[in-house]
Amino acid sequence: MTKKFRPKLTASIVQWALVDVAGMLLVAMGGFYLIKDQTFIPGFPSATSEAIAVALVGIGLIFMAAVKMLAEVMEQMPGTGQESATDEK
């Protein structure tokens, strides 16, 4: 029978999750400007090209954070042929 793997929440995963939230905020600010021509923060973004750049940076941050969080979880997974930490107890 296969045991379920439950990853541990580490400081590194929390940090990357915060980077992910920052990326989502940037995408939201850029998208809101492009769709409604309004801003959350007065004067930012101030032009269409700036809004596109902000949205692209946000998408990049989201992608980078997702990859790094996945790598952190993969490091925690027990390897093939190894006993998991829960089996040793």
PDB file of N, CA and C in Angstrom:
ATOM      1  N   MET A   1       0.827  -1.172   0.000  1.00  0.00           N
ATOM      2  CA  MET A   1       0.000   0.000   0.000  1.00  0.00           C
ATOM      3  C   MET A   1       0.883   1.251   0.000  1.00  0.00           C
ATOM      4  N   THR A   2       0.544   2.213  -0.819  1.00  0.00           N
ATOM      5  CA  THR A   2       1.319   3.434  -0.938  1.00  0.00           C
ATOM      6  C   THR A   2       0.871   4.451   0.099  1.00  0.00           C
ATOM      7  N   LYS A   3       1.854   5.026   0.798  1.00  0.00           N
ATOM      8  CA  LYS A   3       1.543   6.065   1.775  1.00  0.00           C
ATOM      9  C   LYS A   3       1.536   7.421   1.090  1.00  0.00           C
ATOM     10  N   LYS A   4       0.662   8.290   1.571  1.00  0.00           N
ATOM     11  CA  LYS A   4       0.589   9.633   1.004  1.00  0.00           C
ATOM     12  C   LYS A   4       1.747  10.476   1.516  1.00  0.00           C
ATOM     13  N   PHE A   5       2.250  11.326   0.643  1.00  0.00           N
ATOM     14  CA  PHE A   5       3.334  12.233   1.001  1.00  0.00           C
ATOM     15  C   PHE A   5       2.730  13.598   1.297  1.00  0.00           C
ATOM     16  N   ARG A   6       3.060  14.153   2.446  1.00  0.00           N
ATOM     17  CA  ARG A   6       2.596  15.485   2.812  1.00  0.00           C
ATOM     18  C   ARG A   6       3.824  16.373   3.030  1.00  0.00           C
ATOM     19  N   PRO A   7       4.037  17.356   2.142  1.00  0.00           N
ATOM     20  CA  PRO A   7       5.222  18.205   2.298  1.00  0.00           C
ATOM     21  C   PRO A   7       5.102  19.113   3.519  1.00  0.00           C
ATOM     22  N   LYS A   8       6.253  19.464   4.075  1.00  0.00           N
ATOM     23  CA  LYS A   8       6.299  20.356   5.227  1.00  0.00           C
ATOM     24  C   LYS A   8       6.399  21.806   4.738  1.00  0.00           C
ATOM     25  N   LEU A   9       5.731  22.689   5.445  1.00  0.00           N
ATOM     26  CA  LEU A   9       5.792  24.104   5.120  1.00  0.00           C
ATOM     27  C   LEU A   9       7.084  24.666   5.700  1.00  0.00           C
ATOM     28  N   THR A  10       7.983  25.088   4.832  1.00  0.00           N
ATOM     29  CA  THR A  10       9.269  25.632   5.268  1.00  0.00           C
ATOM     30  C   THR A  10       9.299  27.132   5.032  1.00  0.00           C
ATOM     31  N   ALA A  11      10.296  27.781   5.601  1.00  0.00           N
ATOM     32  CA  ALA A  11      10.452  29.226   5.427  1.00  0.00           C
ATOM     33  C   ALA A  11      10.677  29.577   3.956  1.00  0.00           C
ATOM     34  N   SER A  12      11.390  28.723   3.254  1.00  0.00           N
ATOM     35  CA  SER A  12      11.657  28.966   1.839  1.00  0.00           C
ATOM     36  C   SER A  12      10.365  28.938   1.018  1.00  0.00           C
ATOM     37  N   ILE A  13       9.485  27.981   1.323  1.00  0.00           N
ATOM     38  CA  ILE A  13       8.215  27.902   0.600  1.00  0.00           C
ATOM     39  C   ILE A  13       7.358  29.126   0.899  1.00  0.00           C
ATOM     40  N   VAL A  14       7.364  29.581   2.150  1.00  0.00           N
ATOM     41  CA  VAL A  14       6.593  30.774   2.516  1.00  0.00           C
ATOM     42  C   VAL A  14       7.137  32.003   1.788  1.00  0.00           C
ATOM     43  N   GLN A  15       8.441  32.124   1.687  1.00  0.00           N
ATOM     44  CA  GLN A  15       9.037  33.258   0.982  1.00  0.00           C
ATOM     45  C   GLN A  15       8.644  33.255  -0.494  1.00  0.00           C
ATOM     46  N   TRP A  16       8.676  32.089  -1.126  1.00  0.00           N
ATOM     47  CA  TRP A  16       8.290  32.016  -2.532  1.00  0.00           C
ATOM     48  C   TRP A  16       6.801  32.254  -2.708  1.00  0.00           C
ATOM     49  N   ALA A  17       6.005  31.879  -1.709  1.00  0.00           N
ATOM     50  CA  ALA A  17       4.571  32.165  -1.775  1.00  0.00           C
ATOM     51  C   ALA A  17       4.325  33.672  -1.723  1.00  0.00           C
ATOM     52  N   LEU A  18       5.117  34.386  -0.937  1.00  0.00           N
ATOM     53  CA  LEU A  18       4.990  35.848  -0.886  1.00  0.00           C
ATOM     54  C   LEU A  18       5.413  36.487  -2.211  1.00  0.00           C
ATOM     55  N   VAL A  19       6.427  35.929  -2.849  1.00  0.00           N
ATOM     56  CA  VAL A  19       6.821  36.412  -4.181  1.00  0.00           C
ATOM     57  C   VAL A  19       5.676  36.163  -5.167  1.00  0.00           C
ATOM     58  N   ASP A  20       5.010  35.028  -5.028  1.00  0.00           N
ATOM     59  CA  ASP A  20       3.864  34.705  -5.877  1.00  0.00           C
ATOM     60  C   ASP A  20       2.743  35.733  -5.683  1.00  0.00           C
ATOM     61  N   VAL A  21       2.467  36.100  -4.445  1.00  0.00           N
ATOM     62  CA  VAL A  21       1.432  37.106  -4.158  1.00  0.00           C
ATOM     63  C   VAL A  21       1.820  38.451  -4.764  1.00  0.00           C
ATOM     64  N   ALA A  22       3.091  38.825  -4.665  1.00  0.00           N
ATOM     65  CA  ALA A  22       3.546  40.072  -5.264  1.00  0.00           C
ATOM     66  C   ALA A  22       3.347  40.041  -6.782  1.00  0.00           C
ATOM     67  N   GLY A  23       3.628  38.909  -7.393  1.00  0.00           N
ATOM     68  CA  GLY A  23       3.417  38.769  -8.837  1.00  0.00           C
ATOM     69  C   GLY A  23       1.954  38.913  -9.200  1.00  0.00           C
ATOM     70  N   MET A  24       1.075  38.327  -8.388  1.00  0.00           N
ATOM     71  CA  MET A  24      -0.359  38.454  -8.661  1.00  0.00           C
ATOM     72  C   MET A  24      -0.827  39.905  -8.538  1.00  0.00           C
ATOM     73  N   LEU A  25      -0.283  40.614  -7.558  1.00  0.00           N
ATOM     74  CA  LEU A  25      -0.638  42.031  -7.412  1.00  0.00           C
ATOM     75  C   LEU A  25      -0.177  42.847  -8.620  1.00  0.00           C
ATOM     76  N   LEU A  26       1.015  42.551  -9.124  1.00  0.00           N
ATOM     77  CA  LEU A  26       1.510  43.264 -10.303  1.00  0.00           C
ATOM     78  C   LEU A  26       0.655  42.965 -11.533  1.00  0.00           C
ATOM     79  N   VAL A  27       0.276  41.703 -11.704  1.00  0.00           N
ATOM     80  CA  VAL A  27      -0.597  41.356 -12.835  1.00  0.00           C
ATOM     81  C   VAL A  27      -1.934  42.071 -12.697  1.00  0.00           C
ATOM     82  N   ALA A  28      -2.465  42.116 -11.475  1.00  0.00           N
ATOM     83  CA  ALA A  28      -3.746  42.789 -11.251  1.00  0.00           C
ATOM     84  C   ALA A  28      -3.651  44.283 -11.539  1.00  0.00           C
ATOM     85  N   MET A  29      -2.566  44.920 -11.096  1.00  0.00           N
ATOM     86  CA  MET A  29      -2.415  46.369 -11.357  1.00  0.00           C
ATOM     87  C   MET A  29      -2.268  46.654 -12.844  1.00  0.00           C
ATOM     88  N   GLY A  30      -1.440  45.866 -13.513  1.00  0.00           N
ATOM     89  CA  GLY A  30      -1.270  46.071 -14.948  1.00  0.00           C
ATOM     90  C   GLY A  30      -2.531  45.787 -15.726  1.00  0.00           C
ATOM     91  N   GLY A  31      -3.204  44.694 -15.379  1.00  0.00           N
ATOM     92  CA  GLY A  31      -4.445  44.339 -16.065  1.00  0.00           C
ATOM     93  C   GLY A  31      -5.562  45.332 -15.812  1.00  0.00           C
ATOM     94  N   PHE A  32      -5.657  45.836 -14.590  1.00  0.00           N
ATOM     95  CA  PHE A  32      -6.693  46.810 -14.260  1.00  0.00           C
ATOM     96  C   PHE A  32      -6.492  48.092 -15.066  1.00  0.00           C
ATOM     97  N   TYR A  33      -5.236  48.490 -15.225  1.00  0.00           N
ATOM     98  CA  TYR A  33      -4.971  49.683 -16.026  1.00  0.00           C
ATOM     99  C   TYR A  33      -5.323  49.432 -17.491  1.00  0.00           C
ATOM    100  N   LEU A  34      -4.969  48.255 -17.996  1.00  0.00           N
ATOM    101  CA  LEU A  34      -5.234  47.962 -19.400  1.00  0.00           C
ATOM    102  C   LEU A  34      -6.728  47.812 -19.677  1.00  0.00           C
ATOM    103  N   ILE A  35      -7.488  47.262 -18.733  1.00  0.00           N
ATOM    104  CA  ILE A  35      -8.908  47.025 -18.959  1.00  0.00           C
ATOM    105  C   ILE A  35      -9.748  48.262 -18.658  1.00  0.00           C
ATOM    106  N   LYS A  36      -9.516  48.888 -17.505  1.00  0.00           N
ATOM    107  CA  LYS A  36     -10.361  49.995 -17.060  1.00  0.00           C
ATOM    108  C   LYS A  36      -9.715  51.372 -17.192  1.00  0.00           C
ATOM    109  N   ASP A  37      -8.426  51.423 -17.520  1.00  0.00           N
ATOM    110  CA  ASP A  37      -7.675  52.678 -17.586  1.00  0.00           C
ATOM    111  C   ASP A  37      -7.725  53.410 -16.246  1.00  0.00           C
ATOM    112  N   GLN A  38      -7.664  52.618 -15.160  1.00  0.00           N
ATOM    113  CA  GLN A  38      -7.624  53.168 -13.807  1.00  0.00           C
ATOM    114  C   GLN A  38      -6.471  52.511 -13.055  1.00  0.00           C
ATOM    115  N   THR A  39      -6.094  53.126 -11.937  1.00  0.00           N
ATOM    116  CA  THR A  39      -4.991  52.578 -11.150  1.00  0.00           C
ATOM    117  C   THR A  39      -5.399  52.400  -9.691  1.00  0.00           C
ATOM    118  N   PHE A  40      -4.754  51.448  -9.009  1.00  0.00           N
ATOM    119  CA  PHE A  40      -4.932  51.278  -7.567  1.00  0.00           C
ATOM    120  C   PHE A  40      -4.082  52.304  -6.830  1.00  0.00           C
ATOM    121  N   ILE A  41      -2.863  52.473  -7.298  1.00  0.00           N
ATOM    122  CA  ILE A  41      -1.921  53.439  -6.731  1.00  0.00           C
ATOM    123  C   ILE A  41      -1.870  54.623  -7.693  1.00  0.00           C
ATOM    124  N   PRO A  42      -2.171  55.829  -7.227  1.00  0.00           N
ATOM    125  CA  PRO A  42      -2.182  56.980  -8.135  1.00  0.00           C
ATOM    126  C   PRO A  42      -0.851  57.139  -8.881  1.00  0.00           C
ATOM    127  N   GLY A  43      -0.938  57.145 -10.199  1.00  0.00           N
ATOM    128  CA  GLY A  43       0.236  57.350 -11.035  1.00  0.00           C
ATOM    129  C   GLY A  43       1.017  56.098 -11.373  1.00  0.00           C
ATOM    130  N   PHE A  44       0.587  54.932 -10.916  1.00  0.00           N
ATOM    131  CA  PHE A  44       1.307  53.695 -11.241  1.00  0.00           C
ATOM    132  C   PHE A  44       0.324  52.610 -11.626  1.00  0.00           C
ATOM    133  N   PRO A  45       0.404  52.063 -12.779  1.00  0.00           N
ATOM    134  CA  PRO A  45       1.195  52.465 -13.947  1.00  0.00           C
ATOM    135  C   PRO A  45       0.580  53.694 -14.609  1.00  0.00           C
ATOM    136  N   SER A  46       1.414  54.432 -15.284  1.00  0.00           N
ATOM    137  CA  SER A  46       0.952  55.702 -15.851  1.00  0.00           C
ATOM    138  C   SER A  46       0.785  55.658 -17.365  1.00  0.00           C
ATOM    139  N   ALA A  47       1.170  54.586 -18.005  1.00  0.00           N
ATOM    140  CA  ALA A  47       1.038  54.464 -19.456  1.00  0.00           C
ATOM    141  C   ALA A  47       0.763  53.012 -19.819  1.00  0.00           C
ATOM    142  N   THR A  48       0.248  52.812 -21.008  1.00  0.00           N
ATOM    143  CA  THR A  48      -0.077  51.463 -21.466  1.00  0.00           C
ATOM    144  C   THR A  48       1.168  50.578 -21.527  1.00  0.00           C
ATOM    145  N   SER A  49       2.263  51.130 -22.019  1.00  0.00           N
ATOM    146  CA  SER A  49       3.496  50.335 -22.099  1.00  0.00           C
ATOM    147  C   SER A  49       3.989  49.957 -20.704  1.00  0.00           C
ATOM    148  N   GLU A  50       3.841  50.846 -19.748  1.00  0.00           N
ATOM    149  CA  GLU A  50       4.236  50.543 -18.373  1.00  0.00           C
ATOM    150  C   GLU A  50       3.322  49.467 -17.772  1.00  0.00           C
ATOM    151  N   ALA A  51       2.040  49.530 -18.083  1.00  0.00           N
ATOM    152  CA  ALA A  51       1.089  48.529 -17.587  1.00  0.00           C
ATOM    153  C   ALA A  51       1.409  47.150 -18.163  1.00  0.00           C
ATOM    154  N   ILE A  52       1.763  47.110 -19.429  1.00  0.00           N
ATOM    155  CA  ILE A  52       2.137  45.831 -20.055  1.00  0.00           C
ATOM    156  C   ILE A  52       3.399  45.273 -19.405  1.00  0.00           C
ATOM    157  N   ALA A  53       4.380  46.148 -19.162  1.00  0.00           N
ATOM    158  CA  ALA A  53       5.630  45.718 -18.533  1.00  0.00           C
ATOM    159  C   ALA A  53       5.372  45.208 -17.110  1.00  0.00           C
ATOM    160  N   VAL A  54       4.523  45.903 -16.366  1.00  0.00           N
ATOM    161  CA  VAL A  54       4.200  45.490 -14.999  1.00  0.00           C
ATOM    162  C   VAL A  54       3.517  44.125 -15.013  1.00  0.00           C
ATOM    163  N   ALA A  55       2.575  43.928 -15.935  1.00  0.00           N
ATOM    164  CA  ALA A  55       1.876  42.650 -16.024  1.00  0.00           C
ATOM    165  C   ALA A  55       2.844  41.526 -16.416  1.00  0.00           C
ATOM    166  N   LEU A  56       3.750  41.781 -17.326  1.00  0.00           N
ATOM    167  CA  LEU A  56       4.720  40.761 -17.735  1.00  0.00           C
ATOM    168  C   LEU A  56       5.684  40.405 -16.606  1.00  0.00           C
ATOM    169  N   VAL A  57       6.121  41.399 -15.855  1.00  0.00           N
ATOM    170  CA  VAL A  57       6.985  41.127 -14.701  1.00  0.00           C
ATOM    171  C   VAL A  57       6.222  40.300 -13.674  1.00  0.00           C
ATOM    172  N   GLY A  58       4.952  40.626 -13.468  1.00  0.00           N
ATOM    173  CA  GLY A  58       4.129  39.851 -12.542  1.00  0.00           C
ATOM    174  C   GLY A  58       3.988  38.407 -12.977  1.00  0.00           C
ATOM    175  N   ILE A  59       3.767  38.186 -14.260  1.00  0.00           N
ATOM    176  CA  ILE A  59       3.664  36.816 -14.780  1.00  0.00           C
ATOM    177  C   ILE A  59       4.987  36.076 -14.588  1.00  0.00           C
ATOM    178  N   GLY A  60       6.093  36.773 -14.808  1.00  0.00           N
ATOM    179  CA  GLY A  60       7.409  36.165 -14.592  1.00  0.00           C
ATOM    180  C   GLY A  60       7.628  35.783 -13.136  1.00  0.00           C
ATOM    181  N   LEU A  61       7.223  36.651 -12.218  1.00  0.00           N
ATOM    182  CA  LEU A  61       7.366  36.351 -10.795  1.00  0.00           C
ATOM    183  C   LEU A  61       6.506  35.154 -10.388  1.00  0.00           C
ATOM    184  N   ILE A  62       5.290  35.099 -10.907  1.00  0.00           N
ATOM    185  CA  ILE A  62       4.400  33.978 -10.599  1.00  0.00           C
ATOM    186  C   ILE A  62       5.017  32.667 -11.089  1.00  0.00           C
ATOM    187  N   PHE A  63       5.517  32.669 -12.307  1.00  0.00           N
ATOM    188  CA  PHE A  63       6.120  31.465 -12.876  1.00  0.00           C
ATOM    189  C   PHE A  63       7.354  31.045 -12.084  1.00  0.00           C
ATOM    190  N   MET A  64       8.227  32.001 -11.767  1.00  0.00           N
ATOM    191  CA  MET A  64       9.445  31.703 -11.029  1.00  0.00           C
ATOM    192  C   MET A  64       9.116  31.149  -9.642  1.00  0.00           C
ATOM    193  N   ALA A  65       8.152  31.758  -8.960  1.00  0.00           N
ATOM    194  CA  ALA A  65       7.784  31.297  -7.629  1.00  0.00           C
ATOM    195  C   ALA A  65       7.189  29.891  -7.677  1.00  0.00           C
ATOM    196  N   ALA A  66       6.387  29.617  -8.687  1.00  0.00           N
ATOM    197  CA  ALA A  66       5.794  28.281  -8.800  1.00  0.00           C
ATOM    198  C   ALA A  66       6.874  27.223  -9.016  1.00  0.00           C
ATOM    199  N   VAL A  67       7.840  27.526  -9.854  1.00  0.00           N
ATOM    200  CA  VAL A  67       8.931  26.570 -10.120  1.00  0.00           C
ATOM    201  C   VAL A  67       9.757  26.350  -8.856  1.00  0.00           C
ATOM    202  N   LYS A  68      10.080  27.409  -8.143  1.00  0.00           N
ATOM    203  CA  LYS A  68      10.897  27.283  -6.934  1.00  0.00           C
ATOM    204  C   LYS A  68      10.150  26.536  -5.831  1.00  0.00           C
ATOM    205  N   MET A  69       8.846  26.797  -5.674  1.00  0.00           N
ATOM    206  CA  MET A  69       8.075  26.065  -4.667  1.00  0.00           C
ATOM    207  C   MET A  69       7.993  24.580  -5.022  1.00  0.00           C
ATOM    208  N   LEU A  70       7.798  24.286  -6.289  1.00  0.00           N
ATOM    209  CA  LEU A  70       7.757  22.893  -6.722  1.00  0.00           C
ATOM    210  C   LEU A  70       9.095  22.210  -6.467  1.00  0.00           C
ATOM    211  N   ALA A  71      10.203  22.909  -6.717  1.00  0.00           N
ATOM    212  CA  ALA A  71      11.527  22.344  -6.456  1.00  0.00           C
ATOM    213  C   ALA A  71      11.717  22.071  -4.966  1.00  0.00           C
ATOM    214  N   GLU A  72      11.231  22.970  -4.117  1.00  0.00           N
ATOM    215  CA  GLU A  72      11.333  22.762  -2.674  1.00  0.00           C
ATOM    216  C   GLU A  72      10.555  21.515  -2.245  1.00  0.00           C
ATOM    217  N   VAL A  73       9.369  21.338  -2.791  1.00  0.00           N
ATOM    218  CA  VAL A  73       8.559  20.171  -2.442  1.00  0.00           C
ATOM    219  C   VAL A  73       9.213  18.898  -2.977  1.00  0.00           C
ATOM    220  N   MET A  74       9.768  18.960  -4.166  1.00  0.00           N
ATOM    221  CA  MET A  74      10.421  17.780  -4.742  1.00  0.00           C
ATOM    222  C   MET A  74      11.640  17.365  -3.919  1.00  0.00           C
ATOM    223  N   GLU A  75      12.349  18.338  -3.315  1.00  0.00           N
ATOM    224  CA  GLU A  75      13.495  18.008  -2.467  1.00  0.00           C
ATOM    225  C   GLU A  75      13.058  17.252  -1.223  1.00  0.00           C
ATOM    226  N   GLN A  76      11.852  17.520  -0.753  1.00  0.00           N
ATOM    227  CA  GLN A  76      11.352  16.869   0.453  1.00  0.00           C
ATOM    228  C   GLN A  76      10.855  15.447   0.195  1.00  0.00           C
ATOM    229  N   MET A  77      10.545  15.125  -1.053  1.00  0.00           N
ATOM    230  CA  MET A  77       9.984  13.807  -1.358  1.00  0.00           C
ATOM    231  C   MET A  77      11.016  12.716  -1.123  1.00  0.00           C
ATOM    232  N   PRO A  78      10.574  11.606  -0.543  1.00  0.00           N
ATOM    233  CA  PRO A  78      11.512  10.486  -0.371  1.00  0.00           C
ATOM    234  C   PRO A  78      11.866   9.894  -1.735  1.00  0.00           C
ATOM    235  N   GLY A  79      13.116   9.502  -1.884  1.00  0.00           N
ATOM    236  CA  GLY A  79      13.563   8.913  -3.144  1.00  0.00           C
ATOM    237  C   GLY A  79      13.036   7.506  -3.318  1.00  0.00           C
ATOM    238  N   THR A  80      13.195   6.950  -4.500  1.00  0.00           N
ATOM    239  CA  THR A  80      12.734   5.582  -4.752  1.00  0.00           C
ATOM    240  C   THR A  80      13.599   4.613  -3.967  1.00  0.00           C
ATOM    241  N   GLY A  81      12.965   3.662  -3.331  1.00  0.00           N
ATOM    242  CA  GLY A  81      13.696   2.667  -2.557  1.00  0.00           C
ATOM    243  C   GLY A  81      14.055   3.122  -1.162  1.00  0.00           C
ATOM    244  N   GLN A  82      13.739   4.369  -0.806  1.00  0.00           N
ATOM    245  CA  GLN A  82      14.026   4.874   0.524  1.00  0.00           C
ATOM    246  C   GLN A  82      12.742   4.875   1.339  1.00  0.00           C
ATOM    247  N   GLU A  83      12.896   4.684   2.624  1.00  0.00           N
ATOM    248  CA  GLU A  83      11.750   4.755   3.523  1.00  0.00           C
ATOM    249  C   GLU A  83      11.476   6.223   3.821  1.00  0.00           C
ATOM    250  N   SER A  84      10.221   6.574   3.900  1.00  0.00           N
ATOM    251  CA  SER A  84       9.872   7.951   4.242  1.00  0.00           C
ATOM    252  C   SER A  84      10.075   8.153   5.734  1.00  0.00           C
ATOM    253  N   ALA A  85      10.115   9.395   6.164  1.00  0.00           N
ATOM    254  CA  ALA A  85      10.352   9.717   7.567  1.00  0.00           C
ATOM    255  C   ALA A  85       9.228   9.196   8.445  1.00  0.00           C
ATOM    256  N   THR A  86       8.019   9.075   7.910  1.00  0.00           N
ATOM    257  CA  THR A  86       6.897   8.578   8.708  1.00  0.00           C
ATOM    258  C   THR A  86       6.980   7.078   8.905  1.00  0.00           C
ATOM    259  N   ASP A  87       7.642   6.364   8.002  1.00  0.00           N
ATOM    260  CA  ASP A  87       7.771   4.916   8.125  1.00  0.00           C
ATOM    261  C   ASP A  87       8.766   4.523   9.209  1.00  0.00           C
ATOM    262  N   GLU A  88       9.710   5.418   9.526  1.00  0.00           N
ATOM    263  CA  GLU A  88      10.769   5.102  10.482  1.00  0.00           C
ATOM    264  C   GLU A  88      10.273   5.161  11.913  1.00  0.00           C
ATOM    265  N   LYS A  89       9.157   5.792  12.159  1.00  0.00           N
ATOM    266  CA  LYS A  89       8.645   5.952  13.522  1.00  0.00           C
ATOM    267  C   LYS A  89       8.021   4.689  14.044  1.00  0.00           C
TER     268      LYS A  89
END
